[in-house]
C-alpha atoms as a PDB file:
ATOM      1  CA  UNK A   1      -3.265  -3.363 -22.667  1.00  0.00           C
ATOM      2  CA  UNK A   2      -2.637  -0.332 -20.058  1.00  0.00           C
ATOM      3  CA  UNK A   3       0.203  -1.091 -17.549  1.00  0.00           C
ATOM      4  CA  UNK A   4      -0.541  -1.634 -13.811  1.00  0.00           C
ATOM      5  CA  UNK A   5      -4.011  -3.649 -14.679  1.00  0.00           C
ATOM      6  CA  UNK A   6      -4.434  -7.189 -14.037  1.00  0.00           C
ATOM      7  CA  UNK A   7      -5.911  -9.235 -16.835  1.00  0.00           C
ATOM      8  CA  UNK A   8      -7.591 -12.503 -15.921  1.00  0.00           C
ATOM      9  CA  UNK A   9      -5.815 -15.912 -17.206  1.00  0.00           C
ATOM     10  CA  UNK A  10      -9.041 -17.558 -17.166  1.00  0.00           C
ATOM     11  CA  UNK A  11     -10.522 -19.486 -14.296  1.00  0.00           C
ATOM     12  CA  UNK A  12      -9.771 -23.118 -14.281  1.00  0.00           C
ATOM     13  CA  UNK A  13     -12.742 -25.691 -14.517  1.00  0.00           C
ATOM     14  CA  UNK A  14     -11.542 -28.001 -11.902  1.00  0.00           C
ATOM     15  CA  UNK A  15     -10.940 -25.041  -9.480  1.00  0.00           C
ATOM     16  CA  UNK A  16     -13.803 -23.317  -8.971  1.00  0.00           C
ATOM     17  CA  UNK A  17     -14.704 -21.064  -5.764  1.00  0.00           C
ATOM     18  CA  UNK A  18     -18.244 -21.764  -5.566  1.00  0.00           C
ATOM     19  CA  UNK A  19     -19.093 -25.833  -5.295  1.00  0.00           C
ATOM     20  CA  UNK A  20     -21.671 -27.317  -7.919  1.00  0.00           C
ATOM     21  CA  UNK A  21     -24.064 -28.456  -5.519  1.00  0.00           C
ATOM     22  CA  UNK A  22     -24.099 -24.896  -3.814  1.00  0.00           C
ATOM     23  CA  UNK A  23     -24.761 -23.219  -7.095  1.00  0.00           C
ATOM     24  CA  UNK A  24     -27.447 -25.903  -7.713  1.00  0.00           C
ATOM     25  CA  UNK A  25     -28.712 -25.505  -4.380  1.00  0.00           C
ATOM     26  CA  UNK A  26     -29.336 -21.804  -5.257  1.00  0.00           C
ATOM     27  CA  UNK A  27     -30.708 -21.885  -8.351  1.00  0.00           C
ATOM     28  CA  UNK A  28     -33.344 -24.918  -7.015  1.00  0.00           C
ATOM     29  CA  UNK A  29     -31.931 -27.088  -9.211  1.00  0.00           C
ATOM     30  CA  UNK A  30     -32.446 -30.872  -8.699  1.00  0.00           C
ATOM     31  CA  UNK A  31     -31.204 -32.791 -11.651  1.00  0.00           C
ATOM     32  CA  UNK A  32     -27.247 -33.289 -13.171  1.00  0.00           C
ATOM     33  CA  UNK A  33     -28.345 -32.383 -16.786  1.00  0.00           C
ATOM     34  CA  UNK A  34     -27.232 -28.720 -16.397  1.00  0.00           C
ATOM     35  CA  UNK A  35     -23.800 -29.337 -14.520  1.00  0.00           C
ATOM     36  CA  UNK A  36     -21.893 -29.012 -17.190  1.00  0.00           C
ATOM     37  CA  UNK A  37     -23.123 -25.617 -18.263  1.00  0.00           C
ATOM     38  CA  UNK A  38     -23.375 -24.300 -14.707  1.00  0.00           C
ATOM     39  CA  UNK A  39     -19.362 -25.054 -14.558  1.00  0.00           C
ATOM     40  CA  UNK A  40     -18.840 -23.080 -17.725  1.00  0.00           C
ATOM     41  CA  UNK A  41     -20.873 -20.350 -16.611  1.00  0.00           C
ATOM     42  CA  UNK A  42     -19.255 -20.300 -13.363  1.00  0.00           C
ATOM     43  CA  UNK A  43     -15.936 -19.842 -15.102  1.00  0.00           C
ATOM     44  CA  UNK A  44     -17.231 -17.071 -16.852  1.00  0.00           C
ATOM     45  CA  UNK A  45     -18.574 -15.210 -13.761  1.00  0.00           C
ATOM     46  CA  UNK A  46     -15.336 -16.135 -12.426  1.00  0.00           C
ATOM     47  CA  UNK A  47     -13.447 -13.968 -15.167  1.00  0.00           C
ATOM     48  CA  UNK A  48     -15.954 -11.124 -14.882  1.00  0.00           C
ATOM     49  CA  UNK A  49     -15.084 -11.053 -11.041  1.00  0.00           C
ATOM     50  CA  UNK A  50     -11.478 -10.885 -11.716  1.00  0.00           C
ATOM     51  CA  UNK A  51     -11.658  -8.489 -14.537  1.00  0.00           C
ATOM     52  CA  UNK A  52     -13.706  -6.361 -11.853  1.00  0.00           C
ATOM     53  CA  UNK A  53     -11.525  -6.213  -9.230  1.00  0.00           C
ATOM     54  CA  UNK A  54      -8.496  -6.788 -10.625  1.00  0.00           C
ATOM     55  CA  UNK A  55      -6.661  -9.566  -9.329  1.00  0.00           C
ATOM     56  CA  UNK A  56      -7.479 -13.382  -8.899  1.00  0.00           C
ATOM     57  CA  UNK A  57     -10.213 -14.870  -6.715  1.00  0.00           C
ATOM     58  CA  UNK A  58      -8.232 -18.492  -6.043  1.00  0.00           C
ATOM     59  CA  UNK A  59      -4.392 -18.088  -6.509  1.00  0.00           C
ATOM     60  CA  UNK A  60      -2.888 -19.205  -9.925  1.00  0.00           C
ATOM     61  CA  UNK A  61      -0.100 -16.713 -10.887  1.00  0.00           C
ATOM     62  CA  UNK A  62      -1.539 -13.502  -8.843  1.00  0.00           C
ATOM     63  CA  UNK A  63       0.416 -12.529  -5.892  1.00  0.00           C
ATOM     64  CA  UNK A  64      -2.441 -10.406  -5.076  1.00  0.00           C
ATOM     65  CA  UNK A  65      -4.989 -12.927  -5.197  1.00  0.00           C
ATOM     66  CA  UNK A  66      -8.064 -13.223  -2.705  1.00  0.00           C
ATOM     67  CA  UNK A  67      -7.650 -16.637  -1.921  1.00  0.00           C
ATOM     68  CA  UNK A  68      -5.326 -19.632  -1.673  1.00  0.00           C
ATOM     69  CA  UNK A  69      -8.518 -22.114  -1.409  1.00  0.00           C
ATOM     70  CA  UNK A  70     -12.207 -21.653  -2.041  1.00  0.00           C
ATOM     71  CA  UNK A  71     -12.905 -21.999   1.529  1.00  0.00           C
ATOM     72  CA  UNK A  72     -11.304 -18.692   2.143  1.00  0.00           C
ATOM     73  CA  UNK A  73     -12.966 -16.875  -1.030  1.00  0.00           C
ATOM     74  CA  UNK A  74     -15.158 -13.904   1.081  1.00  0.00           C
ATOM     75  CA  UNK A  75     -18.849 -14.783   1.108  1.00  0.00           C
ATOM     76  CA  UNK A  76     -19.770 -11.704  -0.890  1.00  0.00           C
ATOM     77  CA  UNK A  77     -17.304 -12.844  -3.637  1.00  0.00           C
ATOM     78  CA  UNK A  78     -18.973 -16.119  -3.502  1.00  0.00           C
ATOM     79  CA  UNK A  79     -22.709 -14.575  -3.414  1.00  0.00           C
ATOM     80  CA  UNK A  80     -21.148 -12.467  -6.828  1.00  0.00           C
ATOM     81  CA  UNK A  81     -20.557 -15.144  -8.695  1.00  0.00           C
ATOM     82  CA  UNK A  82     -23.616 -17.369  -7.670  1.00  0.00           C
ATOM     83  CA  UNK A  83     -25.752 -14.093  -8.860  1.00  0.00           C
ATOM     84  CA  UNK A  84     -24.196 -14.052 -12.084  1.00  0.00           C
ATOM     85  CA  UNK A  85     -24.281 -17.754 -12.870  1.00  0.00           C
ATOM     86  CA  UNK A  86     -28.329 -17.268 -12.004  1.00  0.00           C
ATOM     87  CA  UNK A  87     -28.345 -14.077 -14.419  1.00  0.00           C
ATOM     88  CA  UNK A  88     -26.553 -16.448 -16.871  1.00  0.00           C
ATOM     89  CA  UNK A  89     -28.700 -19.429 -16.522  1.00  0.00           C
ATOM     90  CA  UNK A  90     -32.069 -17.490 -16.304  1.00  0.00           C
ATOM     91  CA  UNK A  91     -31.205 -14.943 -19.416  1.00  0.00           C
ATOM     92  CA  UNK A  92     -29.441 -17.297 -21.830  1.00  0.00           C
ATOM     93  CA  UNK A  93     -29.999 -14.877 -24.557  1.00  0.00           C
ATOM     94  CA  UNK A  94     -28.976 -11.541 -25.091  1.00  0.00           C
ATOM     95  CA  UNK A  95     -31.844  -9.036 -23.440  1.00  0.00           C
ATOM     96  CA  UNK A  96     -32.432  -5.138 -24.139  1.00  0.00           C
ATOM     97  CA  UNK A  97     -29.670  -2.989 -22.290  1.00  0.00           C
ATOM     98  CA  UNK A  98     -31.055  -2.073 -18.728  1.00  0.00           C
ATOM     99  CA  UNK A  99     -33.759  -4.944 -18.770  1.00  0.00           C
ATOM    100  CA  UNK A 100     -32.268  -6.351 -15.451  1.00  0.00           C
ATOM    101  CA  UNK A 101     -30.295  -4.755 -13.030  1.00  0.00           C
ATOM    102  CA  UNK A 102     -26.886  -6.362 -11.607  1.00  0.00           C
ATOM    103  CA  UNK A 103     -27.024  -5.129  -8.004  1.00  0.00           C
ATOM    104  CA  UNK A 104     -24.894  -7.407  -6.790  1.00  0.00           C
ATOM    105  CA  UNK A 105     -21.807  -6.595  -8.562  1.00  0.00           C
ATOM    106  CA  UNK A 106     -21.062  -3.672  -5.730  1.00  0.00           C
ATOM    107  CA  UNK A 107     -20.625  -7.007  -3.205  1.00  0.00           C
ATOM    108  CA  UNK A 108     -17.157  -7.057  -5.073  1.00  0.00           C
ATOM    109  CA  UNK A 109     -16.316  -3.059  -4.194  1.00  0.00           C
ATOM    110  CA  UNK A 110     -14.437  -4.015  -1.466  1.00  0.00           C
ATOM    111  CA  UNK A 111     -12.023  -6.178  -2.839  1.00  0.00           C
ATOM    112  CA  UNK A 112     -11.056  -4.099  -5.766  1.00  0.00           C
ATOM    113  CA  UNK A 113      -7.305  -3.147  -6.650  1.00  0.00           C
ATOM    114  CA  UNK A 114      -7.710   0.044  -8.080  1.00  0.00           C
ATOM    115  CA  UNK A 115      -4.010   0.201  -9.898  1.00  0.00           C
ATOM    116  CA  UNK A 116      -2.008  -2.690  -9.108  1.00  0.00           C
ATOM    117  CA  UNK A 117       1.240  -0.908  -9.495  1.00  0.00           C
ATOM    118  CA  UNK A 118       0.697   0.646  -5.786  1.00  0.00           C
ATOM    119  CA  UNK A 119       0.165  -3.088  -4.348  1.00  0.00           C
ATOM    120  CA  UNK A 120       3.180  -4.576  -6.326  1.00  0.00           C
ATOM    121  CA  UNK A 121       5.292  -1.894  -5.622  1.00  0.00           C
ATOM    122  CA  UNK A 122       4.563  -1.905  -1.720  1.00  0.00           C
ATOM    123  CA  UNK A 123       7.523  -4.324  -0.774  1.00  0.00           C
ATOM    124  CA  UNK A 124       9.901  -2.707  -3.202  1.00  0.00           C
END
């Protein structure tokens, strides 16, 4: 592992930033049949976002986490999670590279920490 870079410890399924009912509304799902699957997809989307941003979304162990609670998570980050879960749900199998665009990844850009050591040493 490279020094100064964040590695997600994994999202806690009990404390995810987007409510399951919100995901179901986004995906036009009316039943509870896929709730467990959607939660797994959300946990994976959160891990992807945390890795990309170099910080936790909801604070678990990271002093540079974006938010203390789901209500404080920026709307753009929640939208990224909804879109990523939507891709996981609609594209359940591996697809050819470049078959669909992940335009929404740039929603995370304003929240990325490029080098954590710059932020962590700020108080020193």
